[in-house]
């Protein structure tokens, strides 16, 4: 990939502000130099802030939340283009879209997130409320189990440690949709708006869905079935030699603060896994930018127009959507 943006950034996007961390790499005369992660800050200002920092040189932003809809849900709701729909979510006939249903009888095609709070909620409630016949219909093709990781949680489910529904609500409502409505900064969503090299050559802000757990495999952090937990500082620190070796081999400069954070395992606090994932996601993006791994451009038109794709995930997994989803996670455990 020959189009290198001035700024590459990755946001590990939790459901609450304290779990949102941003890692970035700036293009210099000698290549990219990555900085230590920092809190994302106000979501509404994220895209504008990054565009200003890039100085007109283009931004490539990775976002760790789902971007797209399952084809079964889209068909039931009469949706033919996610890109066309996104700016309208939360308004007009879609006014309740971002309001998770409190009760099963409130679930509807235009109010699909569930549940609002823990209780007696079950996945079957979602299927019944959305008029979908089988559990696999809740997943997109890129969410399924792959060789390197477990399956992601379905988009509309908002319960449990591994759910990603709340992060999607925040990311779509507070970051992507407002930027698309305002048109500033100019924003392109991959893969909906076109092939990644084409979008990056245009020098604007390009956003893509990322999944740090997918990057663990790409960066060689998983091997031989050996298990580790991103939630343990000792395990994160034990991966430091691999992360530093990957950066050296890829020619990525690292700031002293980032080197120290990597060697320290990103601190002893309970939230150390968030800045860790922010950096892993950034390295995964740079892996694609530098041509060390394909972006995974999907050929399926429905995937490109409605479902979206996870950056760097092999497009071959698109054929596995019908398989049973048995191991569910959006984490490194």
C-alpha atoms as a PDB file:
ATOM      1  CA  UNK A   1       0.000   0.000   0.000  1.00  0.00           C
ATOM      2  CA  UNK A   2       1.686   3.180  -1.240  1.00  0.00           C
ATOM      3  CA  UNK A   3      -0.602   5.878   0.189  1.00  0.00           C
ATOM      4  CA  UNK A   4       0.646   6.653   3.657  1.00  0.00           C
ATOM      5  CA  UNK A   5      -1.493   9.056   5.734  1.00  0.00           C
ATOM      6  CA  UNK A   6       0.199  11.667   7.893  1.00  0.00           C
ATOM      7  CA  UNK A   7      -1.425  10.255  11.017  1.00  0.00           C
ATOM      8  CA  UNK A   8      -2.493   6.724  11.900  1.00  0.00           C
ATOM      9  CA  UNK A   9      -4.522   6.378  15.097  1.00  0.00           C
ATOM     10  CA  UNK A  10      -6.321   3.567  16.859  1.00  0.00           C
ATOM     11  CA  UNK A  11      -9.025   3.954  19.503  1.00  0.00           C
ATOM     12  CA  UNK A  12      -9.791   1.131  21.899  1.00  0.00           C
ATOM     13  CA  UNK A  13     -13.437   2.004  22.454  1.00  0.00           C
ATOM     14  CA  UNK A  14     -15.086   0.902  25.685  1.00  0.00           C
ATOM     15  CA  UNK A  15     -18.645   1.624  26.721  1.00  0.00           C
ATOM     16  CA  UNK A  16     -17.456   4.270  29.227  1.00  0.00           C
ATOM     17  CA  UNK A  17     -15.083   7.209  28.818  1.00  0.00           C
ATOM     18  CA  UNK A  18     -12.419   5.806  31.160  1.00  0.00           C
ATOM     19  CA  UNK A  19     -12.059   2.726  28.932  1.00  0.00           C
ATOM     20  CA  UNK A  20     -11.393   4.628  25.704  1.00  0.00           C
ATOM     21  CA  UNK A  21      -7.718   4.948  24.806  1.00  0.00           C
ATOM     22  CA  UNK A  22      -6.020   6.295  21.713  1.00  0.00           C
ATOM     23  CA  UNK A  23      -2.641   5.324  20.286  1.00  0.00           C
ATOM     24  CA  UNK A  24      -1.177   7.157  17.300  1.00  0.00           C
ATOM     25  CA  UNK A  25       1.753   7.119  14.907  1.00  0.00           C
ATOM     26  CA  UNK A  26       2.951  10.174  12.989  1.00  0.00           C
ATOM     27  CA  UNK A  27       4.630  10.028   9.604  1.00  0.00           C
ATOM     28  CA  UNK A  28       8.126  11.535   9.692  1.00  0.00           C
ATOM     29  CA  UNK A  29      10.926  11.812   7.153  1.00  0.00           C
ATOM     30  CA  UNK A  30      12.161   8.383   8.242  1.00  0.00           C
ATOM     31  CA  UNK A  31       8.812   6.603   8.574  1.00  0.00           C
ATOM     32  CA  UNK A  32       6.204   6.248  11.286  1.00  0.00           C
ATOM     33  CA  UNK A  33       6.882   7.019  14.931  1.00  0.00           C
ATOM     34  CA  UNK A  34       4.364   5.732  17.482  1.00  0.00           C
ATOM     35  CA  UNK A  35       3.506   7.515  20.706  1.00  0.00           C
ATOM     36  CA  UNK A  36       2.319   6.281  24.109  1.00  0.00           C
ATOM     37  CA  UNK A  37      -1.472   5.878  24.364  1.00  0.00           C
ATOM     38  CA  UNK A  38      -3.646   8.507  25.997  1.00  0.00           C
ATOM     39  CA  UNK A  39      -7.361   8.881  26.831  1.00  0.00           C
ATOM     40  CA  UNK A  40      -9.565   9.532  23.799  1.00  0.00           C
ATOM     41  CA  UNK A  41     -11.195  12.595  25.358  1.00  0.00           C
ATOM     42  CA  UNK A  42     -14.549  14.026  24.174  1.00  0.00           C
ATOM     43  CA  UNK A  43     -15.821  11.803  21.334  1.00  0.00           C
ATOM     44  CA  UNK A  44     -17.412  14.725  19.499  1.00  0.00           C
ATOM     45  CA  UNK A  45     -13.987  16.339  18.984  1.00  0.00           C
ATOM     46  CA  UNK A  46     -11.979  13.246  18.096  1.00  0.00           C
ATOM     47  CA  UNK A  47     -12.140  13.457  14.295  1.00  0.00           C
ATOM     48  CA  UNK A  48     -11.615  17.227  14.194  1.00  0.00           C
ATOM     49  CA  UNK A  49      -8.667  17.007  16.567  1.00  0.00           C
ATOM     50  CA  UNK A  50      -6.950  14.283  14.545  1.00  0.00           C
ATOM     51  CA  UNK A  51      -7.544  16.139  11.275  1.00  0.00           C
ATOM     52  CA  UNK A  52      -5.974  19.273  12.720  1.00  0.00           C
ATOM     53  CA  UNK A  53      -2.972  17.328  14.013  1.00  0.00           C
ATOM     54  CA  UNK A  54      -2.478  15.773  10.581  1.00  0.00           C
ATOM     55  CA  UNK A  55      -2.247  19.224   9.015  1.00  0.00           C
ATOM     56  CA  UNK A  56      -4.155  18.211   5.908  1.00  0.00           C
ATOM     57  CA  UNK A  57      -2.004  15.148   5.316  1.00  0.00           C
ATOM     58  CA  UNK A  58      -4.745  12.588   5.843  1.00  0.00           C
ATOM     59  CA  UNK A  59      -5.829  10.515   8.832  1.00  0.00           C
ATOM     60  CA  UNK A  60      -6.391   6.777   9.105  1.00  0.00           C
ATOM     61  CA  UNK A  61      -8.418   5.990  12.232  1.00  0.00           C
ATOM     62  CA  UNK A  62      -9.166   2.523  13.541  1.00  0.00           C
ATOM     63  CA  UNK A  63     -12.172   2.106  15.822  1.00  0.00           C
ATOM     64  CA  UNK A  64     -12.642  -0.928  18.030  1.00  0.00           C
ATOM     65  CA  UNK A  65     -16.395  -1.291  17.668  1.00  0.00           C
ATOM     66  CA  UNK A  66     -18.655  -2.864  15.034  1.00  0.00           C
ATOM     67  CA  UNK A  67     -19.357  -0.757  11.951  1.00  0.00           C
ATOM     68  CA  UNK A  68     -22.105  -2.341   9.896  1.00  0.00           C
ATOM     69  CA  UNK A  69     -25.232  -4.488  10.196  1.00  0.00           C
ATOM     70  CA  UNK A  70     -25.946  -8.177   9.708  1.00  0.00           C
ATOM     71  CA  UNK A  71     -27.443  -8.932   6.319  1.00  0.00           C
ATOM     72  CA  UNK A  72     -30.418 -10.725   7.875  1.00  0.00           C
ATOM     73  CA  UNK A  73     -31.357  -7.721  10.002  1.00  0.00           C
ATOM     74  CA  UNK A  74     -30.813  -5.328   7.083  1.00  0.00           C
ATOM     75  CA  UNK A  75     -33.071  -7.400   4.851  1.00  0.00           C
ATOM     76  CA  UNK A  76     -35.798  -7.471   7.492  1.00  0.00           C
ATOM     77  CA  UNK A  77     -35.538  -3.692   7.995  1.00  0.00           C
ATOM     78  CA  UNK A  78     -35.390  -2.875   4.288  1.00  0.00           C
ATOM     79  CA  UNK A  79     -31.852  -1.432   4.507  1.00  0.00           C
ATOM     80  CA  UNK A  80     -29.740  -1.543   1.344  1.00  0.00           C
ATOM     81  CA  UNK A  81     -26.862   0.760   2.318  1.00  0.00           C
ATOM     82  CA  UNK A  82     -25.302   1.206   5.758  1.00  0.00           C
ATOM     83  CA  UNK A  83     -23.477   4.317   4.573  1.00  0.00           C
ATOM     84  CA  UNK A  84     -26.738   5.965   3.519  1.00  0.00           C
ATOM     85  CA  UNK A  85     -28.530   4.955   6.732  1.00  0.00           C
ATOM     86  CA  UNK A  86     -25.937   5.929   9.343  1.00  0.00           C
ATOM     87  CA  UNK A  87     -26.464   9.739   9.320  1.00  0.00           C
ATOM     88  CA  UNK A  88     -30.213   9.237   9.902  1.00  0.00           C
ATOM     89  CA  UNK A  89     -29.966   6.900  12.888  1.00  0.00           C
ATOM     90  CA  UNK A  90     -31.267   8.541  16.058  1.00  0.00           C
ATOM     91  CA  UNK A  91     -33.522  10.897  14.076  1.00  0.00           C
ATOM     92  CA  UNK A  92     -37.006  10.794  12.539  1.00  0.00           C
ATOM     93  CA  UNK A  93     -38.368   7.278  12.158  1.00  0.00           C
ATOM     94  CA  UNK A  94     -35.090   5.986  13.615  1.00  0.00           C
ATOM     95  CA  UNK A  95     -35.305   8.194  16.728  1.00  0.00           C
ATOM     96  CA  UNK A  96     -35.275   5.256  19.172  1.00  0.00           C
ATOM     97  CA  UNK A  97     -32.498   3.329  17.440  1.00  0.00           C
ATOM     98  CA  UNK A  98     -29.872   4.128  20.085  1.00  0.00           C
ATOM     99  CA  UNK A  99     -32.232   3.487  23.032  1.00  0.00           C
ATOM    100  CA  UNK A 100     -31.785  -0.112  24.242  1.00  0.00           C
ATOM    101  CA  UNK A 101     -35.120  -1.804  24.876  1.00  0.00           C
ATOM    102  CA  UNK A 102     -36.018  -2.315  28.530  1.00  0.00           C
ATOM    103  CA  UNK A 103     -38.446  -5.164  27.838  1.00  0.00           C
ATOM    104  CA  UNK A 104     -38.686  -7.793  25.102  1.00  0.00           C
ATOM    105  CA  UNK A 105     -41.910  -6.266  23.780  1.00  0.00           C
ATOM    106  CA  UNK A 106     -40.041  -2.999  23.070  1.00  0.00           C
ATOM    107  CA  UNK A 107     -37.547  -4.628  20.707  1.00  0.00           C
ATOM    108  CA  UNK A 108     -38.235  -3.602  17.116  1.00  0.00           C
ATOM    109  CA  UNK A 109     -36.416  -3.228  13.820  1.00  0.00           C
ATOM    110  CA  UNK A 110     -35.957   0.471  14.560  1.00  0.00           C
ATOM    111  CA  UNK A 111     -35.117  -0.162  18.229  1.00  0.00           C
ATOM    112  CA  UNK A 112     -32.856  -3.212  18.016  1.00  0.00           C
ATOM    113  CA  UNK A 113     -30.408  -2.864  20.928  1.00  0.00           C
ATOM    114  CA  UNK A 114     -31.225  -4.977  23.998  1.00  0.00           C
ATOM    115  CA  UNK A 115     -31.256  -5.083  27.018  1.00  0.00           C
ATOM    116  CA  UNK A 116     -31.090  -1.749  28.814  1.00  0.00           C
ATOM    117  CA  UNK A 117     -30.023  -3.427  32.066  1.00  0.00           C
ATOM    118  CA  UNK A 118     -29.346  -6.939  33.430  1.00  0.00           C
ATOM    119  CA  UNK A 119     -32.315  -9.070  34.331  1.00  0.00           C
ATOM    120  CA  UNK A 120     -34.058 -11.936  32.593  1.00  0.00           C
ATOM    121  CA  UNK A 121     -32.843 -10.947  29.136  1.00  0.00           C
ATOM    122  CA  UNK A 122     -32.162 -13.712  26.600  1.00  0.00           C
ATOM    123  CA  UNK A 123     -30.849 -13.733  23.067  1.00  0.00           C
ATOM    124  CA  UNK A 124     -34.085 -15.347  21.950  1.00  0.00           C
ATOM    125  CA  UNK A 125     -35.844 -12.110  22.874  1.00  0.00           C
ATOM    126  CA  UNK A 126     -33.745 -10.334  20.243  1.00  0.00           C
ATOM    127  CA  UNK A 127     -34.512 -12.916  17.587  1.00  0.00           C
ATOM    128  CA  UNK A 128     -38.227 -12.796  18.309  1.00  0.00           C
ATOM    129  CA  UNK A 129     -38.372  -9.001  18.492  1.00  0.00           C
ATOM    130  CA  UNK A 130     -36.480  -8.556  15.223  1.00  0.00           C
ATOM    131  CA  UNK A 131     -38.340 -11.339  13.450  1.00  0.00           C
ATOM    132  CA  UNK A 132     -35.188 -13.360  12.785  1.00  0.00           C
ATOM    133  CA  UNK A 133     -35.391 -17.138  12.625  1.00  0.00           C
ATOM    134  CA  UNK A 134     -31.984 -18.320  13.818  1.00  0.00           C
ATOM    135  CA  UNK A 135     -29.186 -17.140  16.098  1.00  0.00           C
ATOM    136  CA  UNK A 136     -26.609 -16.837  13.295  1.00  0.00           C
ATOM    137  CA  UNK A 137     -28.745 -14.047  11.812  1.00  0.00           C
ATOM    138  CA  UNK A 138     -27.530 -11.717  14.586  1.00  0.00           C
ATOM    139  CA  UNK A 139     -23.900 -11.942  13.430  1.00  0.00           C
ATOM    140  CA  UNK A 140     -22.120 -10.358  10.509  1.00  0.00           C
ATOM    141  CA  UNK A 141     -19.764 -12.492   8.458  1.00  0.00           C
ATOM    142  CA  UNK A 142     -16.678 -10.837   9.938  1.00  0.00           C
ATOM    143  CA  UNK A 143     -17.887 -11.613  13.486  1.00  0.00           C
ATOM    144  CA  UNK A 144     -17.612 -15.383  13.225  1.00  0.00           C
ATOM    145  CA  UNK A 145     -15.022 -17.640  14.794  1.00  0.00           C
ATOM    146  CA  UNK A 146     -11.682 -17.572  12.965  1.00  0.00           C
ATOM    147  CA  UNK A 147      -8.438 -19.512  13.230  1.00  0.00           C
ATOM    148  CA  UNK A 148      -6.835 -16.840  15.404  1.00  0.00           C
ATOM    149  CA  UNK A 149      -9.694 -15.756  17.695  1.00  0.00           C
ATOM    150  CA  UNK A 150     -13.119 -16.494  19.063  1.00  0.00           C
ATOM    151  CA  UNK A 151     -16.330 -15.033  17.694  1.00  0.00           C
ATOM    152  CA  UNK A 152     -17.340 -11.475  18.482  1.00  0.00           C
ATOM    153  CA  UNK A 153     -20.532 -10.733  20.371  1.00  0.00           C
ATOM    154  CA  UNK A 154     -23.502  -9.835  18.121  1.00  0.00           C
ATOM    155  CA  UNK A 155     -23.922  -6.115  17.523  1.00  0.00           C
ATOM    156  CA  UNK A 156     -27.291  -5.497  19.178  1.00  0.00           C
ATOM    157  CA  UNK A 157     -26.580  -7.405  22.408  1.00  0.00           C
ATOM    158  CA  UNK A 158     -25.623  -5.024  25.243  1.00  0.00           C
ATOM    159  CA  UNK A 159     -25.149  -7.396  28.182  1.00  0.00           C
ATOM    160  CA  UNK A 160     -21.952  -8.916  29.582  1.00  0.00           C
ATOM    161  CA  UNK A 161     -18.242  -8.145  29.652  1.00  0.00           C
ATOM    162  CA  UNK A 162     -17.723  -9.085  25.992  1.00  0.00           C
ATOM    163  CA  UNK A 163     -20.654  -7.204  24.490  1.00  0.00           C
ATOM    164  CA  UNK A 164     -19.890  -4.481  21.970  1.00  0.00           C
ATOM    165  CA  UNK A 165     -23.371  -3.007  21.543  1.00  0.00           C
ATOM    166  CA  UNK A 166     -22.838  -0.125  23.959  1.00  0.00           C
ATOM    167  CA  UNK A 167     -19.557   0.835  22.295  1.00  0.00           C
ATOM    168  CA  UNK A 168     -21.253   0.772  18.881  1.00  0.00           C
ATOM    169  CA  UNK A 169     -24.024   3.047  20.154  1.00  0.00           C
ATOM    170  CA  UNK A 170     -21.493   5.568  21.434  1.00  0.00           C
ATOM    171  CA  UNK A 171     -19.242   5.344  18.404  1.00  0.00           C
ATOM    172  CA  UNK A 172     -21.986   5.687  15.818  1.00  0.00           C
ATOM    173  CA  UNK A 173     -24.017   8.302  17.690  1.00  0.00           C
ATOM    174  CA  UNK A 174     -21.178  10.484  19.006  1.00  0.00           C
ATOM    175  CA  UNK A 175     -18.411  10.112  16.404  1.00  0.00           C
ATOM    176  CA  UNK A 176     -19.357   8.779  12.985  1.00  0.00           C
ATOM    177  CA  UNK A 177     -22.922   9.974  12.347  1.00  0.00           C
ATOM    178  CA  UNK A 178     -22.326  13.615  13.424  1.00  0.00           C
ATOM    179  CA  UNK A 179     -19.248  13.849  11.185  1.00  0.00           C
ATOM    180  CA  UNK A 180     -21.144  12.434   8.234  1.00  0.00           C
ATOM    181  CA  UNK A 181     -24.006  14.877   8.743  1.00  0.00           C
ATOM    182  CA  UNK A 182     -21.666  17.856   9.120  1.00  0.00           C
ATOM    183  CA  UNK A 183     -19.293  16.855   6.338  1.00  0.00           C
ATOM    184  CA  UNK A 184     -16.363  18.163   8.357  1.00  0.00           C
ATOM    185  CA  UNK A 185     -13.830  16.758   8.477  1.00  0.00           C
ATOM    186  CA  UNK A 186     -14.507  14.852   5.243  1.00  0.00           C
ATOM    187  CA  UNK A 187     -14.975  11.251   6.388  1.00  0.00           C
ATOM    188  CA  UNK A 188     -14.833   7.996   4.431  1.00  0.00           C
ATOM    189  CA  UNK A 189     -15.782   4.666   6.016  1.00  0.00           C
ATOM    190  CA  UNK A 190     -13.932   1.593   4.796  1.00  0.00           C
ATOM    191  CA  UNK A 191     -14.948  -0.676   3.096  1.00  0.00           C
ATOM    192  CA  UNK A 192     -18.301   0.998   2.366  1.00  0.00           C
ATOM    193  CA  UNK A 193     -16.812   3.994   0.521  1.00  0.00           C
ATOM    194  CA  UNK A 194     -14.306   2.044  -1.569  1.00  0.00           C
ATOM    195  CA  UNK A 195     -10.947   0.201  -1.537  1.00  0.00           C
ATOM    196  CA  UNK A 196      -8.534   1.300   1.170  1.00  0.00           C
ATOM    197  CA  UNK A 197      -5.660   2.438  -1.114  1.00  0.00           C
ATOM    198  CA  UNK A 198      -8.061   4.661  -3.053  1.00  0.00           C
ATOM    199  CA  UNK A 199      -9.510   6.224   0.082  1.00  0.00           C
ATOM    200  CA  UNK A 200      -6.098   6.889   1.627  1.00  0.00           C
ATOM    201  CA  UNK A 201      -4.777   8.529  -1.535  1.00  0.00           C
ATOM    202  CA  UNK A 202      -7.522  11.138  -1.291  1.00  0.00           C
ATOM    203  CA  UNK A 203      -5.869  12.619   1.817  1.00  0.00           C
ATOM    204  CA  UNK A 204      -8.982  12.816   3.987  1.00  0.00           C
ATOM    205  CA  UNK A 205     -10.012  11.067   7.192  1.00  0.00           C
ATOM    206  CA  UNK A 206     -10.626   7.367   6.674  1.00  0.00           C
ATOM    207  CA  UNK A 207     -12.135   5.260   9.460  1.00  0.00           C
ATOM    208  CA  UNK A 208     -12.170   1.474   9.642  1.00  0.00           C
ATOM    209  CA  UNK A 209     -13.380  -1.130  12.100  1.00  0.00           C
ATOM    210  CA  UNK A 210     -10.627  -2.848  14.043  1.00  0.00           C
ATOM    211  CA  UNK A 211     -10.520  -5.750  16.474  1.00  0.00           C
ATOM    212  CA  UNK A 212      -7.405  -6.025  18.676  1.00  0.00           C
ATOM    213  CA  UNK A 213      -8.035  -9.749  19.248  1.00  0.00           C
ATOM    214  CA  UNK A 214      -7.717 -10.202  15.479  1.00  0.00           C
ATOM    215  CA  UNK A 215      -4.396  -8.335  15.590  1.00  0.00           C
ATOM    216  CA  UNK A 216      -2.978 -10.644  18.275  1.00  0.00           C
ATOM    217  CA  UNK A 217      -2.689 -13.331  15.616  1.00  0.00           C
ATOM    218  CA  UNK A 218      -1.381 -10.948  12.954  1.00  0.00           C
ATOM    219  CA  UNK A 219       1.415  -9.704  15.218  1.00  0.00           C
ATOM    220  CA  UNK A 220       2.470 -13.119  16.489  1.00  0.00           C
ATOM    221  CA  UNK A 221       1.150 -12.698  20.023  1.00  0.00           C
ATOM    222  CA  UNK A 222      -0.588 -16.066  19.937  1.00  0.00           C
ATOM    223  CA  UNK A 223       1.252 -19.305  19.329  1.00  0.00           C
ATOM    224  CA  UNK A 224       0.874 -22.976  20.020  1.00  0.00           C
ATOM    225  CA  UNK A 225      -2.397 -22.526  21.853  1.00  0.00           C
ATOM    226  CA  UNK A 226      -0.648 -20.880  24.820  1.00  0.00           C
ATOM    227  CA  UNK A 227      -3.159 -18.797  26.728  1.00  0.00           C
ATOM    228  CA  UNK A 228      -2.559 -15.429  28.274  1.00  0.00           C
ATOM    229  CA  UNK A 229      -4.821 -12.730  29.612  1.00  0.00           C
ATOM    230  CA  UNK A 230      -4.648  -9.138  28.505  1.00  0.00           C
ATOM    231  CA  UNK A 231      -6.104  -8.263  31.920  1.00  0.00           C
ATOM    232  CA  UNK A 232      -2.938  -9.365  33.765  1.00  0.00           C
ATOM    233  CA  UNK A 233      -0.030  -6.934  33.796  1.00  0.00           C
ATOM    234  CA  UNK A 234       2.506  -9.764  33.990  1.00  0.00           C
ATOM    235  CA  UNK A 235       1.096 -11.348  30.847  1.00  0.00           C
ATOM    236  CA  UNK A 236       1.101  -8.039  28.984  1.00  0.00           C
ATOM    237  CA  UNK A 237       4.695  -7.392  30.052  1.00  0.00           C
ATOM    238  CA  UNK A 238       5.697 -10.886  28.915  1.00  0.00           C
ATOM    239  CA  UNK A 239       4.576  -9.931  25.407  1.00  0.00           C
ATOM    240  CA  UNK A 240       6.847  -6.868  25.328  1.00  0.00           C
ATOM    241  CA  UNK A 241       9.725  -8.585  23.480  1.00  0.00           C
ATOM    242  CA  UNK A 242       7.369  -9.624  20.684  1.00  0.00           C
ATOM    243  CA  UNK A 243       5.824  -6.174  20.333  1.00  0.00           C
ATOM    244  CA  UNK A 244       9.207  -4.452  20.349  1.00  0.00           C
ATOM    245  CA  UNK A 245      10.617  -6.973  17.875  1.00  0.00           C
ATOM    246  CA  UNK A 246       7.658  -6.461  15.546  1.00  0.00           C
ATOM    247  CA  UNK A 247       8.134  -2.682  15.624  1.00  0.00           C
ATOM    248  CA  UNK A 248      11.864  -3.004  14.915  1.00  0.00           C
ATOM    249  CA  UNK A 249      11.271  -5.391  12.024  1.00  0.00           C
ATOM    250  CA  UNK A 250       8.585  -3.115  10.555  1.00  0.00           C
ATOM    251  CA  UNK A 251      10.775  -0.033  10.887  1.00  0.00           C
ATOM    252  CA  UNK A 252       8.388   1.711  13.284  1.00  0.00           C
ATOM    253  CA  UNK A 253       9.944   4.241  15.641  1.00  0.00           C
ATOM    254  CA  UNK A 254       8.701   4.190  19.226  1.00  0.00           C
ATOM    255  CA  UNK A 255       8.769   7.079  21.659  1.00  0.00           C
ATOM    256  CA  UNK A 256      10.616   6.458  24.956  1.00  0.00           C
ATOM    257  CA  UNK A 257       7.291   6.698  26.814  1.00  0.00           C
ATOM    258  CA  UNK A 258       5.756   4.006  24.612  1.00  0.00           C
ATOM    259  CA  UNK A 259       8.744   1.691  25.019  1.00  0.00           C
ATOM    260  CA  UNK A 260       8.492   2.078  28.779  1.00  0.00           C
ATOM    261  CA  UNK A 261       4.743   1.385  28.750  1.00  0.00           C
ATOM    262  CA  UNK A 262       5.176  -1.747  26.661  1.00  0.00           C
ATOM    263  CA  UNK A 263       7.937  -3.123  28.894  1.00  0.00           C
ATOM    264  CA  UNK A 264       5.902  -2.318  32.012  1.00  0.00           C
ATOM    265  CA  UNK A 265       2.819  -4.105  30.717  1.00  0.00           C
ATOM    266  CA  UNK A 266       0.887  -0.810  30.682  1.00  0.00           C
ATOM    267  CA  UNK A 267       0.760  -0.472  34.432  1.00  0.00           C
ATOM    268  CA  UNK A 268      -0.747  -2.368  37.357  1.00  0.00           C
ATOM    269  CA  UNK A 269      -4.159  -0.717  37.262  1.00  0.00           C
ATOM    270  CA  UNK A 270      -7.310  -2.679  36.388  1.00  0.00           C
ATOM    271  CA  UNK A 271      -7.649  -0.804  33.093  1.00  0.00           C
ATOM    272  CA  UNK A 272      -4.203  -1.584  31.683  1.00  0.00           C
ATOM    273  CA  UNK A 273      -5.728  -3.796  29.009  1.00  0.00           C
ATOM    274  CA  UNK A 274      -7.306  -0.758  27.333  1.00  0.00           C
ATOM    275  CA  UNK A 275      -4.084   1.142  26.446  1.00  0.00           C
ATOM    276  CA  UNK A 276      -2.539  -2.243  25.601  1.00  0.00           C
ATOM    277  CA  UNK A 277      -5.286  -2.918  23.050  1.00  0.00           C
ATOM    278  CA  UNK A 278      -4.992   0.637  21.716  1.00  0.00           C
ATOM    279  CA  UNK A 279      -1.328  -0.016  20.877  1.00  0.00           C
ATOM    280  CA  UNK A 280      -1.918  -3.527  19.533  1.00  0.00           C
ATOM    281  CA  UNK A 281      -4.647  -2.153  17.273  1.00  0.00           C
ATOM    282  CA  UNK A 282      -2.321   0.616  16.059  1.00  0.00           C
ATOM    283  CA  UNK A 283       0.409  -1.901  15.226  1.00  0.00           C
ATOM    284  CA  UNK A 284      -2.187  -3.975  13.371  1.00  0.00           C
ATOM    285  CA  UNK A 285      -3.161  -0.938  11.294  1.00  0.00           C
ATOM    286  CA  UNK A 286       0.464  -0.129  10.506  1.00  0.00           C
ATOM    287  CA  UNK A 287       0.912  -3.751   9.469  1.00  0.00           C
ATOM    288  CA  UNK A 288      -1.679  -3.116   6.750  1.00  0.00           C
ATOM    289  CA  UNK A 289      -0.438   0.378   5.812  1.00  0.00           C
ATOM    290  CA  UNK A 290       3.089  -0.931   5.287  1.00  0.00           C
ATOM    291  CA  UNK A 291       1.863  -3.783   3.096  1.00  0.00           C
ATOM    292  CA  UNK A 292       2.842  -6.490   5.550  1.00  0.00           C
ATOM    293  CA  UNK A 293      -0.744  -7.779   5.647  1.00  0.00           C
ATOM    294  CA  UNK A 294      -3.662  -7.325   3.211  1.00  0.00           C
ATOM    295  CA  UNK A 295      -6.518  -5.097   4.319  1.00  0.00           C
ATOM    296  CA  UNK A 296      -8.930  -7.943   3.573  1.00  0.00           C
ATOM    297  CA  UNK A 297     -11.013  -6.093   0.992  1.00  0.00           C
ATOM    298  CA  UNK A 298     -14.262  -8.098   0.758  1.00  0.00           C
ATOM    299  CA  UNK A 299     -15.544  -9.049  -2.686  1.00  0.00           C
ATOM    300  CA  UNK A 300     -19.105  -9.751  -1.508  1.00  0.00           C
ATOM    301  CA  UNK A 301     -21.220  -6.685  -2.374  1.00  0.00           C
ATOM    302  CA  UNK A 302     -23.481  -7.188   0.649  1.00  0.00           C
ATOM    303  CA  UNK A 303     -20.456  -7.190   2.943  1.00  0.00           C
ATOM    304  CA  UNK A 304     -19.147  -3.993   1.343  1.00  0.00           C
ATOM    305  CA  UNK A 305     -22.509  -2.193   1.372  1.00  0.00           C
ATOM    306  CA  UNK A 306     -24.135  -3.381   4.592  1.00  0.00           C
ATOM    307  CA  UNK A 307     -22.064  -5.586   6.889  1.00  0.00           C
ATOM    308  CA  UNK A 308     -18.627  -3.986   6.790  1.00  0.00           C
ATOM    309  CA  UNK A 309     -15.376  -5.756   7.592  1.00  0.00           C
ATOM    310  CA  UNK A 310     -12.634  -5.918  10.215  1.00  0.00           C
ATOM    311  CA  UNK A 311      -9.364  -4.422   8.971  1.00  0.00           C
ATOM    312  CA  UNK A 312      -6.754  -7.074   8.237  1.00  0.00           C
ATOM    313  CA  UNK A 313      -9.096 -10.037   8.614  1.00  0.00           C
ATOM    314  CA  UNK A 314      -8.760 -12.532   5.809  1.00  0.00           C
ATOM    315  CA  UNK A 315     -11.638 -12.267   3.349  1.00  0.00           C
ATOM    316  CA  UNK A 316     -11.753 -16.073   3.257  1.00  0.00           C
ATOM    317  CA  UNK A 317     -13.666 -16.065   6.536  1.00  0.00           C
ATOM    318  CA  UNK A 318     -16.599 -14.424   4.713  1.00  0.00           C
ATOM    319  CA  UNK A 319     -17.624 -17.881   3.609  1.00  0.00           C
ATOM    320  CA  UNK A 320     -18.029 -19.081   7.190  1.00  0.00           C
ATOM    321  CA  UNK A 321     -21.025 -16.972   8.190  1.00  0.00           C
ATOM    322  CA  UNK A 322     -23.334 -19.979   8.300  1.00  0.00           C
ATOM    323  CA  UNK A 323     -21.180 -21.843  10.814  1.00  0.00           C
ATOM    324  CA  UNK A 324     -22.283 -22.123  14.408  1.00  0.00           C
ATOM    325  CA  UNK A 325     -20.871 -19.384  16.614  1.00  0.00           C
ATOM    326  CA  UNK A 326     -19.694 -21.253  19.684  1.00  0.00           C
ATOM    327  CA  UNK A 327     -16.960 -19.178  21.313  1.00  0.00           C
ATOM    328  CA  UNK A 328     -17.815 -15.585  21.810  1.00  0.00           C
ATOM    329  CA  UNK A 329     -15.443 -12.804  22.821  1.00  0.00           C
ATOM    330  CA  UNK A 330     -14.265  -9.343  21.937  1.00  0.00           C
ATOM    331  CA  UNK A 331     -11.220  -9.598  24.168  1.00  0.00           C
ATOM    332  CA  UNK A 332      -7.847 -11.325  24.406  1.00  0.00           C
ATOM    333  CA  UNK A 333      -8.812 -13.919  26.990  1.00  0.00           C
END
